[in-house]
Each structure stands twice: as C-alpha cells, then as structure tokens.
N, C-alpha and C. Protein backbone atom coordinates (compact mmCIF):
# COMPACT_ATOMS: atom_id res chain seq x y z
N MET A 1 16.50 -78.88 -52.46
CA MET A 1 15.70 -77.71 -52.14
C MET A 1 14.28 -78.19 -51.91
N SER A 2 13.68 -77.85 -50.71
CA SER A 2 12.33 -78.31 -50.38
C SER A 2 11.30 -77.51 -51.12
N ARG A 3 10.18 -78.14 -51.34
CA ARG A 3 9.12 -77.49 -52.11
C ARG A 3 7.89 -77.38 -51.24
N VAL A 4 7.31 -76.14 -51.16
CA VAL A 4 6.12 -75.89 -50.33
C VAL A 4 4.90 -76.29 -51.11
N THR A 5 4.17 -77.27 -50.54
CA THR A 5 2.93 -77.73 -51.19
C THR A 5 1.76 -76.96 -50.66
N PRO A 6 0.63 -76.98 -51.35
CA PRO A 6 -0.57 -76.29 -50.84
C PRO A 6 -0.96 -76.79 -49.48
N ARG A 7 -0.80 -78.09 -49.21
CA ARG A 7 -1.17 -78.61 -47.89
C ARG A 7 -0.27 -78.04 -46.80
N THR A 8 1.02 -77.91 -47.11
CA THR A 8 1.98 -77.35 -46.14
C THR A 8 1.65 -75.90 -45.86
N ALA A 9 1.27 -75.15 -46.87
CA ALA A 9 0.95 -73.72 -46.71
C ALA A 9 -0.27 -73.55 -45.83
N ARG A 10 -1.31 -74.48 -46.08
CA ARG A 10 -2.52 -74.37 -45.26
C ARG A 10 -2.22 -74.70 -43.81
N LEU A 11 -1.37 -75.64 -43.56
CA LEU A 11 -1.01 -76.04 -42.21
C LEU A 11 -0.26 -74.90 -41.50
N ALA A 12 0.63 -74.26 -42.22
CA ALA A 12 1.39 -73.14 -41.65
C ALA A 12 0.47 -71.99 -41.29
N ALA A 13 -0.54 -71.76 -42.13
CA ALA A 13 -1.49 -70.67 -41.86
C ALA A 13 -2.28 -70.95 -40.61
N TRP A 14 -2.73 -72.22 -40.43
CA TRP A 14 -3.52 -72.58 -39.24
C TRP A 14 -2.67 -72.48 -37.97
N ILE A 15 -1.40 -72.78 -38.06
CA ILE A 15 -0.51 -72.66 -36.89
C ILE A 15 -0.27 -71.18 -36.56
N ALA A 16 -0.21 -70.34 -37.57
CA ALA A 16 0.08 -68.91 -37.36
C ALA A 16 -1.06 -68.20 -36.65
N VAL A 17 -2.31 -68.63 -36.90
CA VAL A 17 -3.47 -67.95 -36.28
C VAL A 17 -3.43 -68.05 -34.76
N PRO A 18 -3.30 -69.23 -34.14
CA PRO A 18 -3.24 -69.28 -32.66
C PRO A 18 -2.06 -68.51 -32.11
N ALA A 19 -0.93 -68.54 -32.82
CA ALA A 19 0.24 -67.80 -32.33
C ALA A 19 -0.03 -66.30 -32.31
N ALA A 20 -0.73 -65.81 -33.37
CA ALA A 20 -1.06 -64.38 -33.43
C ALA A 20 -2.03 -64.01 -32.34
N LEU A 21 -3.05 -64.88 -32.11
CA LEU A 21 -4.02 -64.61 -31.05
C LEU A 21 -3.34 -64.57 -29.69
N LEU A 22 -2.41 -65.51 -29.48
CA LEU A 22 -1.70 -65.55 -28.21
C LEU A 22 -0.89 -64.27 -28.00
N ALA A 23 -0.23 -63.83 -29.06
CA ALA A 23 0.59 -62.61 -28.96
C ALA A 23 -0.28 -61.39 -28.69
N SER A 24 -1.42 -61.27 -29.38
CA SER A 24 -2.30 -60.12 -29.17
C SER A 24 -2.89 -60.14 -27.78
N GLY A 25 -3.15 -61.32 -27.23
CA GLY A 25 -3.67 -61.43 -25.87
C GLY A 25 -2.68 -60.89 -24.87
N VAL A 26 -1.41 -61.19 -25.11
CA VAL A 26 -0.37 -60.66 -24.23
C VAL A 26 -0.35 -59.14 -24.27
N VAL A 27 -0.48 -58.57 -25.49
CA VAL A 27 -0.48 -57.11 -25.65
C VAL A 27 -1.66 -56.49 -24.94
N VAL A 28 -2.87 -57.05 -25.14
CA VAL A 28 -4.08 -56.52 -24.50
C VAL A 28 -3.96 -56.59 -23.00
N SER A 29 -3.46 -57.75 -22.52
CA SER A 29 -3.32 -57.92 -21.08
C SER A 29 -2.37 -56.89 -20.50
N THR A 30 -1.26 -56.67 -21.18
CA THR A 30 -0.29 -55.69 -20.70
C THR A 30 -0.87 -54.29 -20.73
N ALA A 31 -1.57 -53.92 -21.81
CA ALA A 31 -2.16 -52.59 -21.93
C ALA A 31 -3.21 -52.35 -20.86
N SER A 32 -4.04 -53.35 -20.57
CA SER A 32 -5.08 -53.20 -19.55
C SER A 32 -4.45 -53.00 -18.19
N TYR A 33 -3.41 -53.70 -17.87
CA TYR A 33 -2.75 -53.57 -16.57
C TYR A 33 -2.13 -52.20 -16.39
N SER A 34 -1.53 -51.64 -17.46
CA SER A 34 -0.87 -50.34 -17.35
C SER A 34 -1.87 -49.20 -17.20
N ALA A 35 -3.17 -49.41 -17.45
CA ALA A 35 -4.19 -48.36 -17.32
C ALA A 35 -4.70 -48.22 -15.90
N PHE A 36 -4.36 -49.15 -14.99
CA PHE A 36 -4.78 -48.99 -13.60
C PHE A 36 -4.18 -47.70 -13.04
N SER A 37 -4.96 -46.87 -12.29
CA SER A 37 -4.42 -45.63 -11.73
C SER A 37 -5.23 -45.20 -10.51
N ALA A 38 -4.69 -44.27 -9.78
CA ALA A 38 -5.38 -43.69 -8.62
C ALA A 38 -4.86 -42.28 -8.42
N THR A 39 -5.71 -41.36 -7.99
CA THR A 39 -5.29 -39.98 -7.73
C THR A 39 -5.94 -39.48 -6.45
N THR A 40 -5.35 -38.46 -5.90
CA THR A 40 -5.98 -37.70 -4.81
C THR A 40 -5.68 -36.25 -5.08
N ALA A 41 -6.59 -35.35 -4.74
CA ALA A 41 -6.41 -33.94 -5.09
C ALA A 41 -6.82 -33.03 -3.94
N ASN A 42 -6.12 -31.89 -3.85
CA ASN A 42 -6.49 -30.83 -2.93
C ASN A 42 -7.24 -29.77 -3.72
N PRO A 43 -8.34 -29.23 -3.21
CA PRO A 43 -9.09 -28.21 -3.97
C PRO A 43 -8.20 -27.03 -4.36
N THR A 44 -8.62 -26.28 -5.38
CA THR A 44 -7.85 -25.15 -5.90
C THR A 44 -7.52 -24.14 -4.80
N SER A 45 -6.25 -23.79 -4.67
CA SER A 45 -5.82 -22.79 -3.70
C SER A 45 -6.07 -21.39 -4.25
N ASN A 46 -6.38 -20.45 -3.35
CA ASN A 46 -6.64 -19.08 -3.75
C ASN A 46 -5.93 -18.12 -2.81
N TRP A 47 -5.44 -17.02 -3.36
CA TRP A 47 -4.79 -15.99 -2.56
C TRP A 47 -5.43 -14.64 -2.87
N THR A 48 -5.73 -13.85 -1.82
CA THR A 48 -6.29 -12.52 -2.00
C THR A 48 -5.55 -11.56 -1.08
N ALA A 49 -5.09 -10.45 -1.62
CA ALA A 49 -4.35 -9.47 -0.82
C ALA A 49 -5.30 -8.66 0.05
N GLY A 50 -4.87 -8.36 1.26
CA GLY A 50 -5.62 -7.46 2.13
C GLY A 50 -5.45 -6.02 1.68
N THR A 51 -6.14 -5.10 2.36
CA THR A 51 -6.09 -3.70 1.95
C THR A 51 -5.81 -2.79 3.14
N VAL A 52 -5.20 -1.66 2.83
CA VAL A 52 -5.05 -0.55 3.77
C VAL A 52 -5.67 0.65 3.07
N ALA A 53 -6.69 1.25 3.68
CA ALA A 53 -7.42 2.34 3.01
C ALA A 53 -7.80 3.43 4.00
N LEU A 54 -7.54 4.69 3.61
CA LEU A 54 -7.88 5.84 4.44
C LEU A 54 -8.67 6.87 3.64
N SER A 55 -9.57 7.55 4.32
CA SER A 55 -10.28 8.68 3.71
C SER A 55 -10.57 9.70 4.80
N ASP A 56 -10.88 10.93 4.38
CA ASP A 56 -11.26 11.95 5.37
C ASP A 56 -12.49 12.70 4.87
N ASP A 57 -13.02 13.56 5.70
CA ASP A 57 -14.28 14.23 5.38
C ASP A 57 -14.12 15.70 5.02
N ASP A 58 -12.94 16.06 4.47
CA ASP A 58 -12.69 17.49 4.20
C ASP A 58 -13.22 17.98 2.86
N ASN A 59 -13.73 17.07 2.01
CA ASN A 59 -14.23 17.46 0.69
C ASN A 59 -13.20 18.30 -0.09
N ASN A 60 -11.93 17.92 0.09
CA ASN A 60 -10.82 18.58 -0.60
C ASN A 60 -10.73 20.07 -0.28
N THR A 61 -11.04 20.42 0.96
CA THR A 61 -10.98 21.81 1.43
C THR A 61 -9.94 21.92 2.54
N ALA A 62 -9.08 22.93 2.48
CA ALA A 62 -8.05 23.12 3.49
C ALA A 62 -8.66 23.37 4.86
N LEU A 63 -7.98 22.89 5.89
CA LEU A 63 -8.46 23.14 7.25
C LEU A 63 -8.55 24.63 7.54
N PHE A 64 -7.50 25.36 7.20
CA PHE A 64 -7.46 26.79 7.51
C PHE A 64 -7.10 27.60 6.27
N THR A 65 -7.84 28.65 6.05
CA THR A 65 -7.47 29.67 5.07
C THR A 65 -7.75 31.00 5.76
N VAL A 66 -6.73 31.54 6.40
CA VAL A 66 -6.91 32.68 7.31
C VAL A 66 -6.06 33.85 6.84
N THR A 67 -6.62 35.04 6.85
CA THR A 67 -5.88 36.26 6.51
C THR A 67 -6.00 37.25 7.68
N GLY A 68 -5.15 38.26 7.67
CA GLY A 68 -5.23 39.31 8.69
C GLY A 68 -4.84 38.88 10.08
N LEU A 69 -3.94 37.90 10.17
CA LEU A 69 -3.52 37.44 11.50
C LEU A 69 -2.84 38.56 12.28
N LYS A 70 -2.98 38.49 13.58
CA LYS A 70 -2.32 39.43 14.50
C LYS A 70 -2.11 38.71 15.83
N PRO A 71 -1.33 39.26 16.74
CA PRO A 71 -1.15 38.62 18.04
C PRO A 71 -2.50 38.32 18.69
N THR A 72 -2.61 37.14 19.26
CA THR A 72 -3.80 36.56 19.92
C THR A 72 -4.83 35.98 18.93
N SER A 73 -4.60 36.10 17.63
CA SER A 73 -5.51 35.44 16.68
C SER A 73 -5.50 33.93 16.95
N THR A 74 -6.67 33.30 16.89
CA THR A 74 -6.76 31.87 17.18
C THR A 74 -7.88 31.24 16.37
N GLY A 75 -7.82 29.94 16.21
CA GLY A 75 -8.87 29.21 15.48
C GLY A 75 -8.76 27.73 15.74
N THR A 76 -9.89 27.04 15.60
CA THR A 76 -9.93 25.59 15.83
C THR A 76 -10.74 24.93 14.73
N LYS A 77 -10.22 23.83 14.21
CA LYS A 77 -10.94 23.04 13.21
C LYS A 77 -10.73 21.56 13.50
N CYS A 78 -11.69 20.74 13.06
CA CYS A 78 -11.59 19.30 13.22
C CYS A 78 -11.68 18.61 11.86
N ILE A 79 -11.17 17.41 11.80
CA ILE A 79 -11.27 16.59 10.60
C ILE A 79 -11.35 15.13 11.03
N ALA A 80 -12.23 14.37 10.40
CA ALA A 80 -12.40 12.95 10.72
C ALA A 80 -11.68 12.11 9.67
N VAL A 81 -10.89 11.16 10.13
CA VAL A 81 -10.14 10.25 9.26
C VAL A 81 -10.66 8.83 9.50
N THR A 82 -11.02 8.15 8.41
CA THR A 82 -11.64 6.83 8.52
C THR A 82 -10.81 5.77 7.81
N SER A 83 -10.63 4.66 8.49
CA SER A 83 -9.95 3.50 7.91
C SER A 83 -10.99 2.47 7.51
N THR A 84 -10.91 2.00 6.25
CA THR A 84 -11.82 0.95 5.77
C THR A 84 -11.04 -0.25 5.25
N GLY A 85 -9.78 -0.34 5.57
CA GLY A 85 -8.96 -1.45 5.10
C GLY A 85 -9.27 -2.74 5.84
N SER A 86 -8.80 -3.85 5.29
CA SER A 86 -9.04 -5.16 5.89
C SER A 86 -7.85 -5.66 6.71
N LEU A 87 -6.77 -4.88 6.75
CA LEU A 87 -5.58 -5.28 7.51
C LEU A 87 -5.40 -4.38 8.73
N PRO A 88 -4.89 -4.93 9.83
CA PRO A 88 -4.52 -4.07 10.95
C PRO A 88 -3.45 -3.08 10.48
N SER A 89 -3.52 -1.84 10.96
CA SER A 89 -2.55 -0.85 10.50
C SER A 89 -2.27 0.18 11.58
N THR A 90 -1.27 0.97 11.31
CA THR A 90 -0.91 2.10 12.16
C THR A 90 -1.01 3.36 11.31
N VAL A 91 -1.65 4.40 11.85
CA VAL A 91 -1.86 5.64 11.11
C VAL A 91 -1.03 6.75 11.75
N LYS A 92 -0.28 7.45 10.93
CA LYS A 92 0.53 8.58 11.40
C LYS A 92 0.19 9.83 10.60
N LEU A 93 0.28 10.97 11.27
CA LEU A 93 0.05 12.28 10.67
C LEU A 93 1.37 13.02 10.54
N TYR A 94 1.60 13.61 9.36
CA TYR A 94 2.81 14.42 9.20
C TYR A 94 2.53 15.59 8.27
N GLY A 95 3.48 16.53 8.22
CA GLY A 95 3.32 17.74 7.41
C GLY A 95 3.95 17.58 6.04
N THR A 96 3.39 18.33 5.07
CA THR A 96 3.92 18.30 3.71
C THR A 96 4.00 19.72 3.14
N ASN A 97 4.96 19.92 2.29
CA ASN A 97 5.14 21.19 1.56
C ASN A 97 5.12 22.42 2.46
N PRO A 98 5.93 22.43 3.52
CA PRO A 98 5.95 23.63 4.38
C PRO A 98 6.62 24.81 3.69
N SER A 99 6.11 25.99 3.96
CA SER A 99 6.75 27.21 3.46
C SER A 99 6.38 28.36 4.38
N THR A 100 7.23 29.37 4.41
CA THR A 100 6.94 30.54 5.24
C THR A 100 7.76 31.73 4.77
N THR A 101 7.24 32.91 5.07
CA THR A 101 8.01 34.15 4.87
C THR A 101 7.93 34.95 6.16
N ASN A 102 8.95 35.73 6.41
CA ASN A 102 9.03 36.59 7.61
C ASN A 102 8.95 35.78 8.91
N GLY A 103 9.24 34.49 8.83
CA GLY A 103 9.25 33.68 10.05
C GLY A 103 7.88 33.46 10.67
N LEU A 104 6.81 33.64 9.90
CA LEU A 104 5.47 33.52 10.50
C LEU A 104 5.20 32.10 11.02
N ALA A 105 5.64 31.06 10.30
CA ALA A 105 5.33 29.68 10.69
C ALA A 105 5.84 29.35 12.09
N THR A 106 6.98 29.92 12.46
CA THR A 106 7.52 29.65 13.79
C THR A 106 6.91 30.55 14.85
N ASN A 107 5.99 31.40 14.44
CA ASN A 107 5.29 32.26 15.39
C ASN A 107 3.78 32.02 15.38
N ILE A 108 3.40 30.84 14.95
CA ILE A 108 2.02 30.37 15.09
C ILE A 108 2.07 29.09 15.90
N ASN A 109 1.53 29.13 17.10
CA ASN A 109 1.49 27.93 17.93
C ASN A 109 0.43 26.97 17.39
N LEU A 110 0.73 25.67 17.46
CA LEU A 110 -0.18 24.67 16.93
C LEU A 110 -0.31 23.51 17.91
N THR A 111 -1.55 23.14 18.20
CA THR A 111 -1.83 21.97 19.03
C THR A 111 -2.71 21.02 18.22
N ILE A 112 -2.36 19.75 18.21
CA ILE A 112 -3.15 18.73 17.51
C ILE A 112 -3.55 17.67 18.52
N GLU A 113 -4.85 17.42 18.57
CA GLU A 113 -5.38 16.40 19.48
C GLU A 113 -6.09 15.31 18.67
N GLU A 114 -6.09 14.12 19.23
CA GLU A 114 -6.73 12.98 18.60
C GLU A 114 -7.84 12.46 19.52
N GLY A 115 -9.01 12.20 18.95
CA GLY A 115 -10.11 11.72 19.79
C GLY A 115 -11.30 11.28 18.97
N THR A 116 -12.49 11.54 19.50
CA THR A 116 -13.72 11.16 18.84
C THR A 116 -14.73 12.31 18.91
N GLY A 117 -15.71 12.28 18.00
CA GLY A 117 -16.76 13.29 17.99
C GLY A 117 -16.38 14.49 17.14
N GLY A 118 -17.36 15.04 16.46
CA GLY A 118 -17.10 16.16 15.57
C GLY A 118 -16.60 15.68 14.22
N GLY A 119 -16.21 16.64 13.41
CA GLY A 119 -15.72 16.32 12.07
C GLY A 119 -15.43 17.61 11.34
N PHE A 120 -15.21 17.53 10.04
CA PHE A 120 -14.83 18.72 9.28
C PHE A 120 -15.97 19.73 9.33
N GLY A 121 -15.61 20.96 9.69
CA GLY A 121 -16.61 22.03 9.77
C GLY A 121 -17.18 22.23 11.16
N SER A 122 -16.97 21.27 12.06
CA SER A 122 -17.48 21.41 13.42
C SER A 122 -16.74 20.50 14.38
N CYS A 123 -16.34 21.07 15.51
CA CYS A 123 -15.70 20.26 16.55
C CYS A 123 -16.68 19.96 17.68
N THR A 124 -17.96 20.23 17.46
CA THR A 124 -18.97 19.95 18.48
C THR A 124 -18.95 18.48 18.85
N GLY A 125 -18.83 18.22 20.13
CA GLY A 125 -18.81 16.84 20.60
C GLY A 125 -17.44 16.20 20.62
N PHE A 126 -16.42 16.95 20.22
CA PHE A 126 -15.08 16.36 20.21
C PHE A 126 -14.63 16.05 21.64
N THR A 127 -14.07 14.85 21.82
CA THR A 127 -13.52 14.43 23.10
C THR A 127 -12.14 13.86 22.86
N PRO A 128 -11.10 14.48 23.45
CA PRO A 128 -9.75 13.94 23.26
C PRO A 128 -9.62 12.54 23.85
N ALA A 129 -8.73 11.75 23.29
CA ALA A 129 -8.47 10.42 23.85
C ALA A 129 -7.99 10.56 25.28
N ALA A 130 -8.41 9.62 26.12
CA ALA A 130 -8.07 9.69 27.54
C ALA A 130 -6.57 9.61 27.77
N THR A 131 -5.89 8.84 26.93
CA THR A 131 -4.44 8.69 27.04
C THR A 131 -3.78 9.22 25.78
N ASN A 132 -2.81 10.09 25.93
CA ASN A 132 -2.08 10.66 24.79
C ASN A 132 -3.02 11.35 23.80
N GLY A 133 -3.99 12.10 24.32
CA GLY A 133 -4.92 12.81 23.44
C GLY A 133 -4.26 13.91 22.65
N THR A 134 -3.27 14.58 23.24
CA THR A 134 -2.52 15.62 22.53
C THR A 134 -1.33 14.98 21.85
N ILE A 135 -1.33 14.98 20.52
CA ILE A 135 -0.27 14.29 19.79
C ILE A 135 0.81 15.25 19.28
N TYR A 136 0.51 16.56 19.34
CA TYR A 136 1.55 17.54 18.99
C TYR A 136 1.24 18.86 19.67
N SER A 137 2.29 19.50 20.19
CA SER A 137 2.19 20.83 20.76
C SER A 137 3.49 21.56 20.46
N GLY A 138 3.38 22.58 19.62
CA GLY A 138 4.57 23.32 19.22
C GLY A 138 4.17 24.44 18.30
N THR A 139 4.88 24.61 17.19
CA THR A 139 4.54 25.64 16.21
C THR A 139 4.26 25.00 14.86
N VAL A 140 3.64 25.78 13.99
CA VAL A 140 3.40 25.30 12.63
C VAL A 140 4.74 24.97 11.96
N GLY A 141 5.70 25.85 12.13
CA GLY A 141 7.02 25.63 11.54
C GLY A 141 7.70 24.40 12.12
N GLY A 142 7.55 24.19 13.42
CA GLY A 142 8.17 23.04 14.06
C GLY A 142 7.58 21.73 13.56
N PHE A 143 6.25 21.69 13.39
CA PHE A 143 5.63 20.47 12.89
C PHE A 143 6.08 20.19 11.46
N GLY A 144 6.13 21.23 10.65
CA GLY A 144 6.53 21.06 9.26
C GLY A 144 7.96 20.60 9.07
N SER A 145 8.80 20.85 10.06
CA SER A 145 10.21 20.48 9.92
C SER A 145 10.58 19.19 10.64
N THR A 146 9.76 18.76 11.59
CA THR A 146 10.11 17.55 12.35
C THR A 146 9.25 16.34 12.00
N SER A 147 8.01 16.55 11.62
CA SER A 147 7.13 15.44 11.25
C SER A 147 6.94 15.48 9.74
N THR A 148 7.82 14.78 9.03
CA THR A 148 7.86 14.92 7.58
C THR A 148 7.52 13.64 6.81
N ASN A 149 7.34 12.52 7.52
CA ASN A 149 7.00 11.26 6.85
C ASN A 149 6.40 10.31 7.88
N PHE A 150 6.09 9.10 7.44
CA PHE A 150 5.46 8.14 8.35
C PHE A 150 6.33 7.87 9.57
N ALA A 151 7.62 7.72 9.36
CA ALA A 151 8.53 7.37 10.46
C ALA A 151 8.57 8.44 11.54
N THR A 152 8.40 9.71 11.15
CA THR A 152 8.47 10.81 12.13
C THR A 152 7.09 11.40 12.42
N GLY A 153 6.06 10.76 11.89
CA GLY A 153 4.71 11.26 12.09
C GLY A 153 4.21 11.05 13.51
N VAL A 154 3.04 11.63 13.80
CA VAL A 154 2.47 11.56 15.15
C VAL A 154 1.10 10.91 15.09
N GLY A 155 0.64 10.43 16.25
CA GLY A 155 -0.69 9.86 16.34
C GLY A 155 -0.69 8.46 16.90
N ASN A 156 -1.87 8.04 17.40
CA ASN A 156 -2.01 6.74 18.03
C ASN A 156 -3.12 5.89 17.41
N PHE A 157 -3.60 6.29 16.25
CA PHE A 157 -4.69 5.58 15.59
C PHE A 157 -4.17 4.25 15.07
N ALA A 158 -4.78 3.15 15.51
CA ALA A 158 -4.34 1.81 15.11
C ALA A 158 -5.56 0.97 14.73
N PRO A 159 -6.08 1.13 13.52
CA PRO A 159 -7.25 0.36 13.09
C PRO A 159 -6.98 -1.15 13.13
N THR A 160 -8.03 -1.90 13.49
CA THR A 160 -7.88 -3.35 13.59
C THR A 160 -8.08 -4.06 12.26
N GLY A 161 -8.73 -3.40 11.29
CA GLY A 161 -8.99 -4.02 10.00
C GLY A 161 -10.23 -4.88 9.98
N THR A 162 -10.97 -4.94 11.09
CA THR A 162 -12.16 -5.78 11.15
C THR A 162 -13.43 -5.03 10.79
N ALA A 163 -13.37 -3.69 10.80
CA ALA A 163 -14.55 -2.88 10.48
C ALA A 163 -14.09 -1.46 10.20
N SER A 164 -14.98 -0.62 9.69
CA SER A 164 -14.66 0.78 9.47
C SER A 164 -14.42 1.46 10.82
N GLU A 165 -13.32 2.21 10.94
CA GLU A 165 -12.97 2.87 12.19
C GLU A 165 -12.58 4.32 11.90
N THR A 166 -12.99 5.24 12.78
CA THR A 166 -12.77 6.67 12.57
C THR A 166 -12.11 7.31 13.78
N ARG A 167 -11.17 8.22 13.51
CA ARG A 167 -10.60 9.08 14.54
C ARG A 167 -10.77 10.53 14.09
N VAL A 168 -11.00 11.40 15.05
CA VAL A 168 -11.15 12.82 14.76
C VAL A 168 -9.94 13.56 15.32
N TYR A 169 -9.44 14.50 14.52
CA TYR A 169 -8.28 15.29 14.91
C TYR A 169 -8.69 16.75 15.04
N ARG A 170 -8.36 17.35 16.17
CA ARG A 170 -8.68 18.76 16.40
C ARG A 170 -7.40 19.59 16.34
N PHE A 171 -7.39 20.57 15.46
CA PHE A 171 -6.25 21.47 15.27
C PHE A 171 -6.59 22.84 15.84
N THR A 172 -5.71 23.37 16.67
CA THR A 172 -5.91 24.70 17.23
C THR A 172 -4.65 25.51 17.01
N TYR A 173 -4.80 26.68 16.39
CA TYR A 173 -3.64 27.56 16.20
C TYR A 173 -3.85 28.85 16.99
N THR A 174 -2.75 29.46 17.41
CA THR A 174 -2.79 30.74 18.11
C THR A 174 -1.53 31.53 17.77
N VAL A 175 -1.71 32.79 17.45
CA VAL A 175 -0.56 33.68 17.28
C VAL A 175 -0.26 34.27 18.65
N PRO A 176 0.92 34.03 19.20
CA PRO A 176 1.20 34.48 20.56
C PRO A 176 1.21 36.01 20.69
N LEU A 177 0.92 36.46 21.89
CA LEU A 177 0.87 37.90 22.16
C LEU A 177 2.21 38.57 21.90
N ASN A 178 3.29 37.83 22.08
CA ASN A 178 4.62 38.43 21.91
C ASN A 178 5.19 38.20 20.51
N ALA A 179 4.34 37.88 19.53
CA ALA A 179 4.84 37.71 18.16
C ALA A 179 5.56 38.98 17.72
N PRO A 180 6.75 38.88 17.13
CA PRO A 180 7.53 40.09 16.79
C PRO A 180 6.94 40.83 15.59
N ASN A 181 7.28 42.12 15.53
CA ASN A 181 6.83 42.95 14.40
C ASN A 181 7.33 42.42 13.06
N THR A 182 8.40 41.65 13.09
CA THR A 182 8.99 41.17 11.83
C THR A 182 8.10 40.19 11.07
N VAL A 183 7.09 39.65 11.73
CA VAL A 183 6.22 38.70 11.03
C VAL A 183 5.12 39.41 10.24
N GLN A 184 5.02 40.72 10.39
CA GLN A 184 3.97 41.45 9.65
C GLN A 184 4.11 41.19 8.14
N GLY A 185 2.98 40.91 7.51
CA GLY A 185 2.98 40.65 6.08
C GLY A 185 3.50 39.27 5.71
N GLY A 186 3.85 38.49 6.71
CA GLY A 186 4.41 37.16 6.45
C GLY A 186 3.33 36.13 6.08
N SER A 187 3.78 35.00 5.62
CA SER A 187 2.86 33.92 5.25
C SER A 187 3.39 32.60 5.77
N ALA A 188 2.48 31.65 5.91
CA ALA A 188 2.85 30.30 6.33
C ALA A 188 1.90 29.32 5.65
N ALA A 189 2.45 28.21 5.19
CA ALA A 189 1.63 27.19 4.54
C ALA A 189 2.14 25.81 4.95
N LEU A 190 1.20 24.87 5.12
CA LEU A 190 1.56 23.52 5.50
C LEU A 190 0.41 22.57 5.18
N GLY A 191 0.73 21.49 4.49
CA GLY A 191 -0.27 20.45 4.24
C GLY A 191 -0.22 19.40 5.33
N PHE A 192 -1.31 18.69 5.51
CA PHE A 192 -1.37 17.62 6.51
C PHE A 192 -1.70 16.30 5.81
N THR A 193 -0.90 15.29 6.08
CA THR A 193 -1.09 13.98 5.45
C THR A 193 -1.17 12.89 6.51
N TRP A 194 -2.19 12.04 6.36
CA TRP A 194 -2.31 10.84 7.19
C TRP A 194 -1.90 9.64 6.34
N GLU A 195 -1.05 8.82 6.89
CA GLU A 195 -0.61 7.62 6.17
C GLU A 195 -0.82 6.39 7.04
N ALA A 196 -1.36 5.33 6.44
CA ALA A 196 -1.53 4.07 7.15
C ALA A 196 -0.58 3.04 6.56
N GLN A 197 0.04 2.27 7.43
CA GLN A 197 0.86 1.14 7.01
C GLN A 197 0.41 -0.09 7.79
N ASN A 198 0.29 -1.22 7.09
CA ASN A 198 -0.19 -2.41 7.79
C ASN A 198 0.81 -2.85 8.84
N SER A 199 0.28 -3.37 9.93
CA SER A 199 1.12 -3.75 11.07
C SER A 199 1.08 -5.26 11.25
C-alpha cells in the first residue's frame, strides 16, 4: 500500500492548479462565444377602426305634426343629413313604425327628393340633384310598407369618408282631391330613418 508524503501532496496540488485554470478557460471561452447575437426589428404595428357616422338637424322634432287634414291639404319640409365618418359609405332612407286608421296613410301622397340647400325648418335654397333627384313618389302608406330597412331603402347619398358631407331631403305631402269620405277622422304615422353602411 503506497503512502502519500507531504512532498507528493504538494506536487499534486501544483499540478491541479494549471488543470483547473485550463478547464475554467474552456468554460469562459465557451460562454463568451454563446453570447454572440444579432437582431432586427419592425416597429410596433397599430390598427385603428374606421367610422361610419350620421347626424341630422331636426333637434329631435318630427318633420310633420299636422291636424285637420282635408282633400288638397299639402305641406313641405326639409331635413339635412350629415356624414362625418372616416369610411366611404352608402346612405339609405327607410320608414319605421308605420301605422294608420281609416286608410289615411294610403290617401296621403308623398314625394321625397334629395339635393342640396335648405335644412330643417326651411327649404329655402333647396335644389334637387340633377340626376335621380326624386327618390320616392307614392303614398305615405306605400313608403312605410315597401322601404322598411337598408336593403329596401331609397337614396343616392354616398359619402366618401374624406370630409364632412351633407345631403338635404325635401318631403312633400298632399291629400288628393278624390280622397274618400272613409278617411275622415283617420290617422297616419311614420318615422324616417337614414342608415349608413360602409362600402
């Protein structure tokens, strides 16, 4: 059995030091090499939704509130509709919540024109569009039953979405001279809705 002398122990210690240094050098060298890197980046992407927006100038007041109708009664009102959305869109007009008694709605003629000039409370300066200025000609009852949503609505307003754009609509009603006696005491009601959908 061999015996380790102090001289042998000191010699072994001196040999171990260079071996340890050599090993640690390998580790450092490997670690330094693995830290090399390179990147490239694209700036942060952003998404923002466009808008479709409509308003009118009626101050929440009905176009017509008329009593005492009789044959030849007539009236005209205008309303301005403005698009402030950022997307191109198509605007259609349709009727909502129609109701009638004694058949009055089908005995009130209604004409709707689209153009420029005038606004709620005054049609002064109104000019129908040169092409397709009249967008409906029939009766109040007919409009309420045929133009009931965007798909069946009327109108040619097509905002570009690049700036605020306005169209004026002129409504004219007339009770025909030959309206039957059966409409006496009757009533008619119809709301008007403009809807824009992006195109």
